[in-house]
Amino acid sequence: MRTAIVMMALLAPLSAFAGRGGSTVAIKAAAQSGSADAIVAELERAEFLACLSCIDAVLPLVDHESARVRDAAGWWLGRRGVRSQVISTMQARLAGGDPVAARNAGDVLAAMRDYTTLPALTTYLSQPLDEESGVSVARAVGIIGHPSAVATLQGALASPLSGVRAQAAASLRQLRAPAGKKVAASAPALLPLLGDSDAGVRREAIMTLGFVGQSGGDVSGAVAALSAVATGDASPGVRKAAAWALGEMKDGAARPALQAAQSDSDPLVRSIATAALANLR
């Protein structure tokens, strides 16, 4: 009892000051410290701080080397009167020729979660300047989560950049379902990625297929394709993901493949296959 009281006393001040307080001086000091943890913590503490000078202190952080700081800066600025100005600046960056600026813009717009930025993000994602910025923008599209972005991400599944393909597949899991549907993603758009040359792409596509199966979406052709992957892919991580996804689809047609996967050379694949078998109808 005494320990519980002491813990409550220690935690009470933290709760009391969460999102309250902060100052321009404190934000600048955190930025000068070089610590991403310190900067993010100070921005969170200054959630409701209102002053023009503090905005000037935060604006440079949209170009910080840490993605966490860029995200926090976008979140913080998005709650101020400069929101529209910052969005316009970030959209202009996407139309420029600097991949680092475009990457940073993607991170900031993700934090702002404004669906009106989707046209600019879509245009950039159709032909990103490099892989890192393309991944950032594909991630932003997923975080914004608007169902109208399905076509944007499905288009990015054909990107020549493997990181973009992988992120696009992952971001499809984050979109809200369009009206009348249970989930935004569907199997037909993802199945071609099961033969991708990059194991990371194959795995993300499979994880999204499993999510679609969980959600009762369209998994046409997925069981047969995943069965082949679960027993034949060169990557143990991909085989494991395929076994998991088959279990989420709960289709008895996956039984032979999962039984075969119980003899896989990788112990994790064997374990997941056994668990997945228990899910089948």
C-alpha atoms as a PDB file:
ATOM      1  CA  MET A   1       0.000   0.000   0.000  1.00  0.00           C
ATOM      2  CA  ARG A   2       2.806   2.390   0.947  1.00  0.00           C
ATOM      3  CA  THR A   3       4.609   1.616  -2.331  1.00  0.00           C
ATOM      4  CA  ALA A   4       1.463   2.386  -4.318  1.00  0.00           C
ATOM      5  CA  ILE A   5       1.033   5.730  -2.560  1.00  0.00           C
ATOM      6  CA  VAL A   6       4.648   6.662  -3.231  1.00  0.00           C
ATOM      7  CA  MET A   7       4.306   5.758  -6.914  1.00  0.00           C
ATOM      8  CA  MET A   8       1.150   7.851  -7.227  1.00  0.00           C
ATOM      9  CA  ALA A   9       2.916  10.783  -5.634  1.00  0.00           C
ATOM     10  CA  LEU A  10       5.811  10.454  -8.061  1.00  0.00           C
ATOM     11  CA  LEU A  11       3.614  10.153 -11.127  1.00  0.00           C
ATOM     12  CA  ALA A  12       1.162  12.903 -10.220  1.00  0.00           C
ATOM     13  CA  PRO A  13       3.452  15.809 -11.196  1.00  0.00           C
ATOM     14  CA  LEU A  14       4.195  14.163 -14.544  1.00  0.00           C
ATOM     15  CA  SER A  15       0.506  13.862 -15.333  1.00  0.00           C
ATOM     16  CA  ALA A  16      -0.199  17.366 -14.091  1.00  0.00           C
ATOM     17  CA  PHE A  17       2.362  18.984 -16.383  1.00  0.00           C
ATOM     18  CA  ALA A  18       1.897  16.774 -19.480  1.00  0.00           C
ATOM     19  CA  GLY A  19       1.081  19.159 -22.349  1.00  0.00           C
ATOM     20  CA  ARG A  20       1.342  22.168 -20.060  1.00  0.00           C
ATOM     21  CA  GLY A  21       4.145  24.662 -19.705  1.00  0.00           C
ATOM     22  CA  GLY A  22       7.215  25.001 -21.857  1.00  0.00           C
ATOM     23  CA  SER A  23       8.809  28.121 -23.252  1.00  0.00           C
ATOM     24  CA  THR A  24      10.734  29.384 -26.244  1.00  0.00           C
ATOM     25  CA  VAL A  25      13.925  29.221 -24.189  1.00  0.00           C
ATOM     26  CA  ALA A  26      13.266  25.599 -23.251  1.00  0.00           C
ATOM     27  CA  ILE A  27      12.518  24.614 -26.851  1.00  0.00           C
ATOM     28  CA  LYS A  28      15.697  26.291 -28.089  1.00  0.00           C
ATOM     29  CA  ALA A  29      17.745  24.653 -25.340  1.00  0.00           C
ATOM     30  CA  ALA A  30      16.358  21.238 -26.264  1.00  0.00           C
ATOM     31  CA  ALA A  31      17.140  21.855 -29.933  1.00  0.00           C
ATOM     32  CA  GLN A  32      20.692  22.908 -29.105  1.00  0.00           C
ATOM     33  CA  SER A  33      21.188  19.783 -26.988  1.00  0.00           C
ATOM     34  CA  GLY A  34      21.088  17.627 -30.099  1.00  0.00           C
ATOM     35  CA  SER A  35      18.912  15.067 -28.326  1.00  0.00           C
ATOM     36  CA  ALA A  36      15.851  13.922 -30.260  1.00  0.00           C
ATOM     37  CA  ASP A  37      14.320  12.644 -27.017  1.00  0.00           C
ATOM     38  CA  ALA A  38      14.748  16.047 -25.357  1.00  0.00           C
ATOM     39  CA  ILE A  39      13.262  17.926 -28.309  1.00  0.00           C
ATOM     40  CA  VAL A  40      10.241  15.657 -28.630  1.00  0.00           C
ATOM     41  CA  ALA A  41       9.617  15.775 -24.881  1.00  0.00           C
ATOM     42  CA  GLU A  42       9.812  19.572 -24.842  1.00  0.00           C
ATOM     43  CA  LEU A  43       7.419  19.928 -27.764  1.00  0.00           C
ATOM     44  CA  GLU A  44       4.959  17.616 -26.044  1.00  0.00           C
ATOM     45  CA  ARG A  45       5.288  19.620 -22.844  1.00  0.00           C
ATOM     46  CA  ALA A  46       4.655  22.816 -24.817  1.00  0.00           C
ATOM     47  CA  GLU A  47       1.535  21.416 -26.489  1.00  0.00           C
ATOM     48  CA  PHE A  48      -0.632  24.359 -25.431  1.00  0.00           C
ATOM     49  CA  LEU A  49       2.070  27.034 -25.353  1.00  0.00           C
ATOM     50  CA  ALA A  50       0.941  30.137 -27.264  1.00  0.00           C
ATOM     51  CA  CYS A  51       3.564  32.598 -28.507  1.00  0.00           C
ATOM     52  CA  LEU A  52       4.993  33.830 -31.796  1.00  0.00           C
ATOM     53  CA  SER A  53       8.593  33.371 -30.732  1.00  0.00           C
ATOM     54  CA  CYS A  54       8.074  29.689 -29.947  1.00  0.00           C
ATOM     55  CA  ILE A  55       6.721  29.134 -33.471  1.00  0.00           C
ATOM     56  CA  ASP A  56       9.937  30.619 -34.844  1.00  0.00           C
ATOM     57  CA  ALA A  57      11.883  28.219 -32.633  1.00  0.00           C
ATOM     58  CA  VAL A  58       9.976  25.162 -33.873  1.00  0.00           C
ATOM     59  CA  LEU A  59       9.858  25.917 -37.608  1.00  0.00           C
ATOM     60  CA  PRO A  60      13.521  24.928 -38.226  1.00  0.00           C
ATOM     61  CA  LEU A  61      12.845  21.541 -36.647  1.00  0.00           C
ATOM     62  CA  VAL A  62      10.932  20.404 -39.733  1.00  0.00           C
ATOM     63  CA  ASP A  63      14.393  19.843 -41.219  1.00  0.00           C
ATOM     64  CA  HIS A  64      15.918  18.097 -38.223  1.00  0.00           C
ATOM     65  CA  GLU A  65      17.945  14.974 -38.998  1.00  0.00           C
ATOM     66  CA  SER A  66      15.652  12.853 -36.794  1.00  0.00           C
ATOM     67  CA  ALA A  67      12.351  11.680 -38.286  1.00  0.00           C
ATOM     68  CA  ARG A  68      10.902  11.653 -34.766  1.00  0.00           C
ATOM     69  CA  VAL A  69      11.666  15.334 -34.360  1.00  0.00           C
ATOM     70  CA  ARG A  70      10.241  16.177 -37.789  1.00  0.00           C
ATOM     71  CA  ASP A  71       7.086  14.310 -36.864  1.00  0.00           C
ATOM     72  CA  ALA A  72       6.812  16.121 -33.509  1.00  0.00           C
ATOM     73  CA  ALA A  73       7.419  19.492 -35.159  1.00  0.00           C
ATOM     74  CA  GLY A  74       4.698  18.810 -37.731  1.00  0.00           C
ATOM     75  CA  TRP A  75       2.279  17.787 -34.989  1.00  0.00           C
ATOM     76  CA  TRP A  76       3.089  20.884 -32.918  1.00  0.00           C
ATOM     77  CA  LEU A  77       2.894  23.338 -35.814  1.00  0.00           C
ATOM     78  CA  GLY A  78      -0.307  21.745 -37.052  1.00  0.00           C
ATOM     79  CA  ARG A  79      -2.027  22.977 -33.897  1.00  0.00           C
ATOM     80  CA  ARG A  80      -1.064  26.606 -34.515  1.00  0.00           C
ATOM     81  CA  GLY A  81      -2.244  29.408 -36.756  1.00  0.00           C
ATOM     82  CA  VAL A  82       0.636  28.717 -39.143  1.00  0.00           C
ATOM     83  CA  ARG A  83      -0.806  25.319 -40.085  1.00  0.00           C
ATOM     84  CA  SER A  84      -1.947  26.399 -43.572  1.00  0.00           C
ATOM     85  CA  GLN A  85       1.326  28.210 -44.217  1.00  0.00           C
ATOM     86  CA  VAL A  86       3.396  25.164 -43.245  1.00  0.00           C
ATOM     87  CA  ILE A  87       1.245  22.860 -45.373  1.00  0.00           C
ATOM     88  CA  SER A  88       1.701  25.133 -48.385  1.00  0.00           C
ATOM     89  CA  THR A  89       5.461  25.191 -47.820  1.00  0.00           C
ATOM     90  CA  MET A  90       5.630  21.407 -47.573  1.00  0.00           C
ATOM     91  CA  GLN A  91       3.570  20.957 -50.727  1.00  0.00           C
ATOM     92  CA  ALA A  92       5.898  23.321 -52.564  1.00  0.00           C
ATOM     93  CA  ARG A  93       8.838  21.203 -51.409  1.00  0.00           C
ATOM     94  CA  LEU A  94       7.232  18.135 -52.953  1.00  0.00           C
ATOM     95  CA  ALA A  95       7.153  19.969 -56.271  1.00  0.00           C
ATOM     96  CA  GLY A  96      10.807  20.995 -56.001  1.00  0.00           C
ATOM     97  CA  GLY A  97      13.935  19.096 -56.917  1.00  0.00           C
ATOM     98  CA  ASP A  98      15.398  18.393 -53.479  1.00  0.00           C
ATOM     99  CA  PRO A  99      14.823  14.800 -52.251  1.00  0.00           C
ATOM    100  CA  VAL A 100      15.790  15.642 -48.658  1.00  0.00           C
ATOM    101  CA  ALA A 101      13.289  18.506 -48.565  1.00  0.00           C
ATOM    102  CA  ALA A 102      10.667  16.179 -50.038  1.00  0.00           C
ATOM    103  CA  ARG A 103      11.427  13.515 -47.421  1.00  0.00           C
ATOM    104  CA  ASN A 104      11.059  16.047 -44.633  1.00  0.00           C
ATOM    105  CA  ALA A 105       7.843  17.350 -46.162  1.00  0.00           C
ATOM    106  CA  GLY A 106       6.422  13.841 -46.176  1.00  0.00           C
ATOM    107  CA  ASP A 107       7.177  13.416 -42.485  1.00  0.00           C
ATOM    108  CA  VAL A 108       5.672  16.780 -41.545  1.00  0.00           C
ATOM    109  CA  LEU A 109       2.520  16.256 -43.599  1.00  0.00           C
ATOM    110  CA  ALA A 110       2.092  12.815 -42.081  1.00  0.00           C
ATOM    111  CA  ALA A 111       2.030  14.413 -38.645  1.00  0.00           C
ATOM    112  CA  MET A 112      -0.548  16.986 -39.765  1.00  0.00           C
ATOM    113  CA  ARG A 113      -2.891  14.313 -41.158  1.00  0.00           C
ATOM    114  CA  ASP A 114      -4.622  16.630 -43.619  1.00  0.00           C
ATOM    115  CA  TYR A 115      -6.311  14.722 -46.445  1.00  0.00           C
ATOM    116  CA  THR A 116      -6.268  17.803 -48.691  1.00  0.00           C
ATOM    117  CA  THR A 117      -2.528  17.221 -49.117  1.00  0.00           C
ATOM    118  CA  LEU A 118      -3.128  13.868 -50.826  1.00  0.00           C
ATOM    119  CA  PRO A 119      -2.999  15.257 -54.401  1.00  0.00           C
ATOM    120  CA  ALA A 120       0.492  16.669 -53.807  1.00  0.00           C
ATOM    121  CA  LEU A 121       1.630  13.473 -52.092  1.00  0.00           C
ATOM    122  CA  THR A 122       0.167  11.367 -54.902  1.00  0.00           C
ATOM    123  CA  THR A 123       1.934  13.370 -57.589  1.00  0.00           C
ATOM    124  CA  TYR A 124       5.258  13.019 -55.807  1.00  0.00           C
ATOM    125  CA  LEU A 125       4.807   9.313 -55.131  1.00  0.00           C
ATOM    126  CA  SER A 126       4.223   8.645 -58.812  1.00  0.00           C
ATOM    127  CA  GLN A 127       7.848   9.618 -59.494  1.00  0.00           C
ATOM    128  CA  PRO A 128       9.879  10.128 -56.293  1.00  0.00           C
ATOM    129  CA  LEU A 129      13.339  11.634 -56.489  1.00  0.00           C
ATOM    130  CA  ASP A 130      14.843   8.834 -54.404  1.00  0.00           C
ATOM    131  CA  GLU A 131      13.837   5.858 -52.297  1.00  0.00           C
ATOM    132  CA  GLU A 132      14.002   7.536 -48.901  1.00  0.00           C
ATOM    133  CA  SER A 133      11.700  10.390 -49.856  1.00  0.00           C
ATOM    134  CA  GLY A 134       9.358   7.998 -51.631  1.00  0.00           C
ATOM    135  CA  VAL A 135       9.108   5.861 -48.516  1.00  0.00           C
ATOM    136  CA  SER A 136       8.401   8.952 -46.409  1.00  0.00           C
ATOM    137  CA  VAL A 137       5.591  10.052 -48.704  1.00  0.00           C
ATOM    138  CA  ALA A 138       4.062   6.566 -48.964  1.00  0.00           C
ATOM    139  CA  ARG A 139       4.136   6.395 -45.172  1.00  0.00           C
ATOM    140  CA  ALA A 140       2.410   9.802 -44.970  1.00  0.00           C
ATOM    141  CA  VAL A 141      -0.374   8.633 -47.258  1.00  0.00           C
ATOM    142  CA  GLY A 142      -1.007   5.665 -44.981  1.00  0.00           C
ATOM    143  CA  ILE A 143      -0.959   7.736 -41.797  1.00  0.00           C
ATOM    144  CA  ILE A 144      -3.445  10.233 -43.250  1.00  0.00           C
ATOM    145  CA  GLY A 145      -5.547   7.160 -43.873  1.00  0.00           C
ATOM    146  CA  HIS A 146      -8.158   8.567 -46.237  1.00  0.00           C
ATOM    147  CA  PRO A 147      -9.894   5.835 -48.275  1.00  0.00           C
ATOM    148  CA  SER A 148      -9.471   7.820 -51.479  1.00  0.00           C
ATOM    149  CA  ALA A 149      -5.743   7.039 -51.330  1.00  0.00           C
ATOM    150  CA  VAL A 150      -6.234   3.390 -52.351  1.00  0.00           C
ATOM    151  CA  ALA A 151      -5.401   4.157 -55.978  1.00  0.00           C
ATOM    152  CA  THR A 152      -2.331   6.164 -54.925  1.00  0.00           C
ATOM    153  CA  LEU A 153      -0.849   3.294 -52.958  1.00  0.00           C
ATOM    154  CA  GLN A 154      -1.810   0.638 -55.466  1.00  0.00           C
ATOM    155  CA  GLY A 155       0.036   2.640 -58.094  1.00  0.00           C
ATOM    156  CA  ALA A 156       3.093   2.772 -55.824  1.00  0.00           C
ATOM    157  CA  LEU A 157       3.096  -1.024 -55.604  1.00  0.00           C
ATOM    158  CA  ALA A 158       4.618  -0.953 -59.091  1.00  0.00           C
ATOM    159  CA  SER A 159       7.392   1.502 -58.156  1.00  0.00           C
ATOM    160  CA  PRO A 160      10.902   0.574 -59.365  1.00  0.00           C
ATOM    161  CA  LEU A 161      12.081   1.314 -55.795  1.00  0.00           C
ATOM    162  CA  SER A 162      11.711  -1.681 -53.481  1.00  0.00           C
ATOM    163  CA  GLY A 163      11.410   0.433 -50.344  1.00  0.00           C
ATOM    164  CA  VAL A 164       8.505   2.335 -51.863  1.00  0.00           C
ATOM    165  CA  ARG A 165       6.772  -0.890 -52.899  1.00  0.00           C
ATOM    166  CA  ALA A 166       7.154  -2.288 -49.388  1.00  0.00           C
ATOM    167  CA  GLN A 167       5.896   0.880 -47.699  1.00  0.00           C
ATOM    168  CA  ALA A 168       2.963   1.181 -50.086  1.00  0.00           C
ATOM    169  CA  ALA A 169       1.918  -2.370 -49.230  1.00  0.00           C
ATOM    170  CA  ALA A 170       2.221  -1.603 -45.518  1.00  0.00           C
ATOM    171  CA  SER A 171       0.380   1.724 -45.815  1.00  0.00           C
ATOM    172  CA  LEU A 172      -2.617   0.029 -47.419  1.00  0.00           C
ATOM    173  CA  ARG A 173      -3.265  -1.549 -44.020  1.00  0.00           C
ATOM    174  CA  GLN A 174      -3.728   1.905 -42.497  1.00  0.00           C
ATOM    175  CA  LEU A 175      -6.371   3.284 -44.829  1.00  0.00           C
ATOM    176  CA  ARG A 176      -9.918   3.593 -43.574  1.00  0.00           C
ATOM    177  CA  ALA A 177     -12.372   1.411 -45.464  1.00  0.00           C
ATOM    178  CA  PRO A 178     -14.430   3.098 -48.185  1.00  0.00           C
ATOM    179  CA  ALA A 179     -18.180   3.226 -47.680  1.00  0.00           C
ATOM    180  CA  GLY A 180     -19.746  -0.173 -48.146  1.00  0.00           C
ATOM    181  CA  LYS A 181     -16.480  -2.098 -47.725  1.00  0.00           C
ATOM    182  CA  LYS A 182     -14.842  -3.754 -44.755  1.00  0.00           C
ATOM    183  CA  VAL A 183     -11.279  -2.833 -45.679  1.00  0.00           C
ATOM    184  CA  ALA A 184      -9.545  -0.610 -48.229  1.00  0.00           C
ATOM    185  CA  ALA A 185      -7.003  -3.111 -49.571  1.00  0.00           C
ATOM    186  CA  SER A 186      -7.820  -6.171 -51.643  1.00  0.00           C
ATOM    187  CA  ALA A 187      -5.897  -9.252 -52.728  1.00  0.00           C
ATOM    188  CA  PRO A 188      -5.787  -8.742 -56.522  1.00  0.00           C
ATOM    189  CA  ALA A 189      -3.551  -5.673 -56.229  1.00  0.00           C
ATOM    190  CA  LEU A 190      -1.168  -7.386 -53.805  1.00  0.00           C
ATOM    191  CA  LEU A 191      -0.768 -10.858 -55.288  1.00  0.00           C
ATOM    192  CA  PRO A 192       1.786  -9.813 -57.950  1.00  0.00           C
ATOM    193  CA  LEU A 193       4.138  -8.745 -55.140  1.00  0.00           C
ATOM    194  CA  LEU A 194       4.398 -12.313 -53.848  1.00  0.00           C
ATOM    195  CA  GLY A 195       6.906 -12.907 -56.638  1.00  0.00           C
ATOM    196  CA  ASP A 196       8.841  -9.686 -55.978  1.00  0.00           C
ATOM    197  CA  SER A 197      12.636  -9.953 -55.989  1.00  0.00           C
ATOM    198  CA  ASP A 198      12.822  -8.226 -52.589  1.00  0.00           C
ATOM    199  CA  ALA A 199      11.945 -10.296 -49.521  1.00  0.00           C
ATOM    200  CA  GLY A 200      10.865  -7.196 -47.613  1.00  0.00           C
ATOM    201  CA  VAL A 201       8.319  -6.366 -50.295  1.00  0.00           C
ATOM    202  CA  ARG A 202       6.996  -9.915 -50.327  1.00  0.00           C
ATOM    203  CA  ARG A 203       6.636  -9.895 -46.550  1.00  0.00           C
ATOM    204  CA  GLU A 204       4.766  -6.579 -46.403  1.00  0.00           C
ATOM    205  CA  ALA A 205       2.405  -7.693 -49.160  1.00  0.00           C
ATOM    206  CA  ILE A 206       1.708 -10.894 -47.234  1.00  0.00           C
ATOM    207  CA  MET A 207       1.126  -9.036 -43.978  1.00  0.00           C
ATOM    208  CA  THR A 208      -1.419  -6.859 -45.758  1.00  0.00           C
ATOM    209  CA  LEU A 209      -3.098  -9.914 -47.264  1.00  0.00           C
ATOM    210  CA  GLY A 210      -3.382 -11.353 -43.776  1.00  0.00           C
ATOM    211  CA  PHE A 211      -4.901  -8.083 -42.577  1.00  0.00           C
ATOM    212  CA  VAL A 212      -7.425  -8.194 -45.420  1.00  0.00           C
ATOM    213  CA  GLY A 213      -8.307 -11.748 -44.427  1.00  0.00           C
ATOM    214  CA  GLN A 214      -8.747 -10.725 -40.785  1.00  0.00           C
ATOM    215  CA  SER A 215     -11.061  -7.909 -41.827  1.00  0.00           C
ATOM    216  CA  GLY A 216     -13.263  -9.965 -44.137  1.00  0.00           C
ATOM    217  CA  GLY A 217     -12.078  -8.274 -47.321  1.00  0.00           C
ATOM    218  CA  ASP A 218     -11.497  -9.598 -50.819  1.00  0.00           C
ATOM    219  CA  VAL A 219      -8.898 -12.373 -50.700  1.00  0.00           C
ATOM    220  CA  SER A 220      -9.649 -13.875 -54.093  1.00  0.00           C
ATOM    221  CA  GLY A 221      -6.803 -16.140 -55.185  1.00  0.00           C
ATOM    222  CA  ALA A 222      -4.801 -15.433 -52.040  1.00  0.00           C
ATOM    223  CA  VAL A 223      -4.997 -18.875 -50.419  1.00  0.00           C
ATOM    224  CA  ALA A 224      -3.475 -20.693 -53.393  1.00  0.00           C
ATOM    225  CA  ALA A 225      -0.780 -18.050 -53.863  1.00  0.00           C
ATOM    226  CA  LEU A 226       0.128 -17.955 -50.169  1.00  0.00           C
ATOM    227  CA  SER A 227       0.189 -21.730 -49.976  1.00  0.00           C
ATOM    228  CA  ALA A 228       2.909 -21.779 -52.618  1.00  0.00           C
ATOM    229  CA  VAL A 229       4.875 -19.100 -50.767  1.00  0.00           C
ATOM    230  CA  ALA A 230       4.539 -20.793 -47.382  1.00  0.00           C
ATOM    231  CA  THR A 231       6.163 -23.948 -48.733  1.00  0.00           C
ATOM    232  CA  GLY A 232       8.503 -22.593 -51.382  1.00  0.00           C
ATOM    233  CA  ASP A 233       9.825 -19.088 -50.677  1.00  0.00           C
ATOM    234  CA  ALA A 234      13.573 -18.831 -50.092  1.00  0.00           C
ATOM    235  CA  SER A 235      13.167 -16.513 -47.090  1.00  0.00           C
ATOM    236  CA  PRO A 236      12.144 -18.022 -43.722  1.00  0.00           C
ATOM    237  CA  GLY A 237      10.650 -14.662 -42.722  1.00  0.00           C
ATOM    238  CA  VAL A 238       8.449 -14.642 -45.801  1.00  0.00           C
ATOM    239  CA  ARG A 239       7.389 -18.264 -45.292  1.00  0.00           C
ATOM    240  CA  LYS A 240       6.504 -17.451 -41.682  1.00  0.00           C
ATOM    241  CA  ALA A 241       4.397 -14.460 -42.760  1.00  0.00           C
ATOM    242  CA  ALA A 242       2.621 -16.588 -45.362  1.00  0.00           C
ATOM    243  CA  ALA A 243       1.773 -19.272 -42.800  1.00  0.00           C
ATOM    244  CA  TRP A 244       0.389 -16.592 -40.475  1.00  0.00           C
ATOM    245  CA  ALA A 245      -1.694 -15.002 -43.241  1.00  0.00           C
ATOM    246  CA  LEU A 246      -3.173 -18.362 -44.223  1.00  0.00           C
ATOM    247  CA  GLY A 247      -4.278 -18.859 -40.650  1.00  0.00           C
ATOM    248  CA  GLU A 248      -5.970 -15.445 -40.648  1.00  0.00           C
ATOM    249  CA  MET A 249      -7.971 -16.377 -43.739  1.00  0.00           C
ATOM    250  CA  LYS A 250      -9.354 -19.459 -41.976  1.00  0.00           C
ATOM    251  CA  ASP A 251      -9.845 -21.282 -45.287  1.00  0.00           C
ATOM    252  CA  GLY A 252      -9.580 -25.077 -45.084  1.00  0.00           C
ATOM    253  CA  ALA A 253      -7.955 -25.091 -48.519  1.00  0.00           C
ATOM    254  CA  ALA A 254      -4.759 -23.931 -46.805  1.00  0.00           C
ATOM    255  CA  ARG A 255      -4.506 -27.096 -44.712  1.00  0.00           C
ATOM    256  CA  PRO A 256      -2.134 -29.100 -46.994  1.00  0.00           C
ATOM    257  CA  ALA A 257       0.332 -26.201 -47.241  1.00  0.00           C
ATOM    258  CA  LEU A 258       0.299 -25.541 -43.507  1.00  0.00           C
ATOM    259  CA  GLN A 259       0.760 -29.223 -42.753  1.00  0.00           C
ATOM    260  CA  ALA A 260       3.757 -29.250 -45.078  1.00  0.00           C
ATOM    261  CA  ALA A 261       5.084 -26.108 -43.380  1.00  0.00           C
ATOM    262  CA  GLN A 262       5.084 -27.980 -40.081  1.00  0.00           C
ATOM    263  CA  SER A 263       8.167 -29.748 -41.436  1.00  0.00           C
ATOM    264  CA  ASP A 264       9.926 -26.525 -42.460  1.00  0.00           C
ATOM    265  CA  SER A 265      13.638 -26.205 -41.710  1.00  0.00           C
ATOM    266  CA  ASP A 266      12.937 -23.049 -39.677  1.00  0.00           C
ATOM    267  CA  PRO A 267      11.469 -23.553 -36.191  1.00  0.00           C
ATOM    268  CA  LEU A 268       9.477 -20.315 -36.290  1.00  0.00           C
ATOM    269  CA  VAL A 269       7.820 -21.318 -39.561  1.00  0.00           C
ATOM    270  CA  ARG A 270       6.896 -24.664 -38.017  1.00  0.00           C
ATOM    271  CA  SER A 271       5.480 -22.960 -34.945  1.00  0.00           C
ATOM    272  CA  ILE A 272       3.409 -20.439 -36.894  1.00  0.00           C
ATOM    273  CA  ALA A 273       2.109 -23.143 -39.240  1.00  0.00           C
ATOM    274  CA  THR A 274       0.906 -25.210 -36.290  1.00  0.00           C
ATOM    275  CA  ALA A 275      -0.855 -22.205 -34.782  1.00  0.00           C
ATOM    276  CA  ALA A 276      -2.391 -21.294 -38.148  1.00  0.00           C
ATOM    277  CA  LEU A 277      -3.800 -24.787 -38.602  1.00  0.00           C
ATOM    278  CA  ALA A 278      -5.796 -24.326 -35.417  1.00  0.00           C
ATOM    279  CA  ASN A 279      -7.528 -21.314 -37.007  1.00  0.00           C
ATOM    280  CA  LEU A 280      -8.825 -23.131 -40.082  1.00  0.00           C
ATOM    281  CA  ARG A 281     -12.461 -23.985 -40.475  1.00  0.00           C
END
